Amino acid sequence: MAAMDLETYESLSQLINKLGLNAEFMGNVVVVRDKSWSRIYKLVNKARELGINVNED
């Protein structure tokens, strides 16, 4: 699972769609879920490449 604000989602939306990840909108927050950790890690790595601050927990 990954959570982000709408601005970050806009930056990553094409990749999210390309990877087939499920996005749920909750106000100003978007939660992206998938059963595949590899697809989530691809999203996280791309976010880092774009200079987006990523916090893992």
N, C-alpha and C. Protein backbone atom coordinates (compact mmCIF):
# COMPACT_ATOMS: atom_id res chain seq x y z
N MET A 1 0.84 -1.17 0.00
CA MET A 1 0.00 0.00 0.00
C MET A 1 0.89 1.23 0.00
N ALA A 2 0.46 2.25 -0.72
CA ALA A 2 1.15 3.54 -0.74
C ALA A 2 0.11 4.64 -0.60
N ALA A 3 0.41 5.66 0.18
CA ALA A 3 -0.49 6.79 0.35
C ALA A 3 0.22 8.04 -0.13
N MET A 4 -0.53 8.94 -0.79
CA MET A 4 0.06 10.16 -1.32
C MET A 4 -0.99 11.24 -1.43
N ASP A 5 -0.53 12.47 -1.60
CA ASP A 5 -1.46 13.57 -1.82
C ASP A 5 -1.85 13.62 -3.29
N LEU A 6 -2.82 14.46 -3.62
CA LEU A 6 -3.33 14.53 -4.99
C LEU A 6 -2.26 15.00 -5.97
N GLU A 7 -1.41 15.93 -5.56
CA GLU A 7 -0.36 16.45 -6.44
C GLU A 7 0.62 15.34 -6.83
N THR A 8 1.00 14.52 -5.86
CA THR A 8 1.90 13.40 -6.14
C THR A 8 1.21 12.38 -7.04
N TYR A 9 -0.06 12.14 -6.78
CA TYR A 9 -0.82 11.21 -7.62
C TYR A 9 -0.82 11.68 -9.08
N GLU A 10 -1.02 12.98 -9.28
CA GLU A 10 -1.03 13.53 -10.65
C GLU A 10 0.31 13.24 -11.34
N SER A 11 1.41 13.36 -10.59
CA SER A 11 2.73 13.11 -11.16
C SER A 11 2.95 11.65 -11.52
N LEU A 12 2.32 10.76 -10.77
CA LEU A 12 2.54 9.32 -10.94
C LEU A 12 1.36 8.59 -11.59
N SER A 13 0.31 9.30 -11.95
CA SER A 13 -0.92 8.64 -12.41
C SER A 13 -0.72 7.76 -13.64
N GLN A 14 0.11 8.18 -14.59
CA GLN A 14 0.33 7.35 -15.77
C GLN A 14 0.99 6.04 -15.40
N LEU A 15 1.97 6.08 -14.51
CA LEU A 15 2.65 4.85 -14.08
C LEU A 15 1.70 3.97 -13.27
N ILE A 16 0.90 4.59 -12.41
CA ILE A 16 -0.07 3.83 -11.61
C ILE A 16 -1.02 3.07 -12.53
N ASN A 17 -1.51 3.74 -13.56
CA ASN A 17 -2.41 3.09 -14.51
C ASN A 17 -1.68 2.01 -15.31
N LYS A 18 -0.46 2.29 -15.74
CA LYS A 18 0.33 1.33 -16.52
C LYS A 18 0.60 0.06 -15.72
N LEU A 19 0.87 0.21 -14.43
CA LEU A 19 1.14 -0.94 -13.57
C LEU A 19 -0.13 -1.67 -13.15
N GLY A 20 -1.29 -1.06 -13.40
CA GLY A 20 -2.56 -1.69 -13.04
C GLY A 20 -2.85 -1.64 -11.55
N LEU A 21 -2.34 -0.62 -10.87
CA LEU A 21 -2.55 -0.49 -9.44
C LEU A 21 -3.92 0.13 -9.17
N ASN A 22 -4.51 -0.23 -8.03
CA ASN A 22 -5.82 0.28 -7.64
C ASN A 22 -5.65 1.54 -6.80
N ALA A 23 -6.27 2.63 -7.23
CA ALA A 23 -6.19 3.89 -6.49
C ALA A 23 -7.55 4.20 -5.87
N GLU A 24 -7.53 4.52 -4.58
CA GLU A 24 -8.74 4.91 -3.85
C GLU A 24 -8.56 6.35 -3.38
N PHE A 25 -9.53 7.19 -3.69
CA PHE A 25 -9.46 8.59 -3.31
C PHE A 25 -10.23 8.82 -2.02
N MET A 26 -9.55 9.48 -1.07
CA MET A 26 -10.15 9.79 0.23
C MET A 26 -9.86 11.25 0.54
N GLY A 27 -10.66 12.13 -0.01
CA GLY A 27 -10.42 13.56 0.17
C GLY A 27 -9.18 13.98 -0.58
N ASN A 28 -8.20 14.55 0.12
CA ASN A 28 -6.96 15.00 -0.50
C ASN A 28 -5.88 13.92 -0.52
N VAL A 29 -6.24 12.71 -0.12
CA VAL A 29 -5.28 11.60 -0.04
C VAL A 29 -5.70 10.52 -1.01
N VAL A 30 -4.68 9.92 -1.66
CA VAL A 30 -4.92 8.80 -2.55
C VAL A 30 -4.17 7.60 -1.99
N VAL A 31 -4.86 6.49 -1.85
CA VAL A 31 -4.26 5.24 -1.38
C VAL A 31 -4.16 4.29 -2.56
N VAL A 32 -2.97 3.79 -2.81
CA VAL A 32 -2.72 2.87 -3.91
C VAL A 32 -2.44 1.50 -3.31
N ARG A 33 -3.19 0.50 -3.77
CA ARG A 33 -3.05 -0.86 -3.21
C ARG A 33 -2.80 -1.85 -4.32
N ASP A 34 -2.08 -2.91 -3.96
CA ASP A 34 -1.88 -4.02 -4.88
C ASP A 34 -1.37 -5.21 -4.08
N LYS A 35 -1.59 -6.40 -4.60
CA LYS A 35 -1.09 -7.61 -3.94
C LYS A 35 0.37 -7.86 -4.27
N SER A 36 0.88 -7.21 -5.32
CA SER A 36 2.25 -7.41 -5.76
C SER A 36 3.17 -6.33 -5.18
N TRP A 37 4.11 -6.75 -4.33
CA TRP A 37 5.06 -5.78 -3.78
C TRP A 37 5.97 -5.25 -4.87
N SER A 38 6.26 -6.05 -5.88
CA SER A 38 7.17 -5.59 -6.93
C SER A 38 6.59 -4.38 -7.68
N ARG A 39 5.29 -4.37 -7.91
CA ARG A 39 4.67 -3.22 -8.59
C ARG A 39 4.68 -1.99 -7.69
N ILE A 40 4.46 -2.18 -6.40
CA ILE A 40 4.52 -1.06 -5.45
C ILE A 40 5.94 -0.50 -5.41
N TYR A 41 6.95 -1.39 -5.38
CA TYR A 41 8.33 -0.93 -5.36
C TYR A 41 8.71 -0.20 -6.64
N LYS A 42 8.17 -0.61 -7.79
CA LYS A 42 8.41 0.12 -9.03
C LYS A 42 7.87 1.53 -8.92
N LEU A 43 6.69 1.66 -8.33
CA LEU A 43 6.09 2.98 -8.12
C LEU A 43 6.94 3.81 -7.18
N VAL A 44 7.39 3.24 -6.08
CA VAL A 44 8.22 3.95 -5.10
C VAL A 44 9.54 4.39 -5.73
N ASN A 45 10.16 3.50 -6.48
CA ASN A 45 11.44 3.84 -7.12
C ASN A 45 11.28 4.96 -8.14
N LYS A 46 10.20 4.94 -8.90
CA LYS A 46 9.95 6.01 -9.87
C LYS A 46 9.71 7.33 -9.15
N ALA A 47 8.98 7.29 -8.04
CA ALA A 47 8.75 8.51 -7.25
C ALA A 47 10.09 9.09 -6.78
N ARG A 48 10.98 8.24 -6.33
CA ARG A 48 12.31 8.70 -5.89
C ARG A 48 13.08 9.32 -7.06
N GLU A 49 12.99 8.69 -8.26
CA GLU A 49 13.67 9.23 -9.43
C GLU A 49 13.17 10.63 -9.77
N LEU A 50 11.88 10.87 -9.51
CA LEU A 50 11.29 12.17 -9.80
C LEU A 50 11.56 13.19 -8.69
N GLY A 51 12.27 12.77 -7.63
CA GLY A 51 12.59 13.67 -6.54
C GLY A 51 11.51 13.81 -5.50
N ILE A 52 10.56 12.89 -5.51
CA ILE A 52 9.48 12.91 -4.53
C ILE A 52 9.98 12.26 -3.24
N ASN A 53 9.75 12.91 -2.12
CA ASN A 53 10.17 12.39 -0.83
C ASN A 53 9.33 11.15 -0.49
N VAL A 54 10.01 10.02 -0.25
CA VAL A 54 9.33 8.75 0.05
C VAL A 54 9.70 8.34 1.47
N ASN A 55 8.70 8.08 2.29
CA ASN A 55 8.91 7.57 3.65
C ASN A 55 8.34 6.16 3.71
N GLU A 56 9.17 5.21 4.11
CA GLU A 56 8.71 3.82 4.23
C GLU A 56 8.48 3.49 5.70
N ASP A 57 7.42 2.74 5.93
CA ASP A 57 7.12 2.33 7.30
C ASP A 57 6.77 0.87 7.32
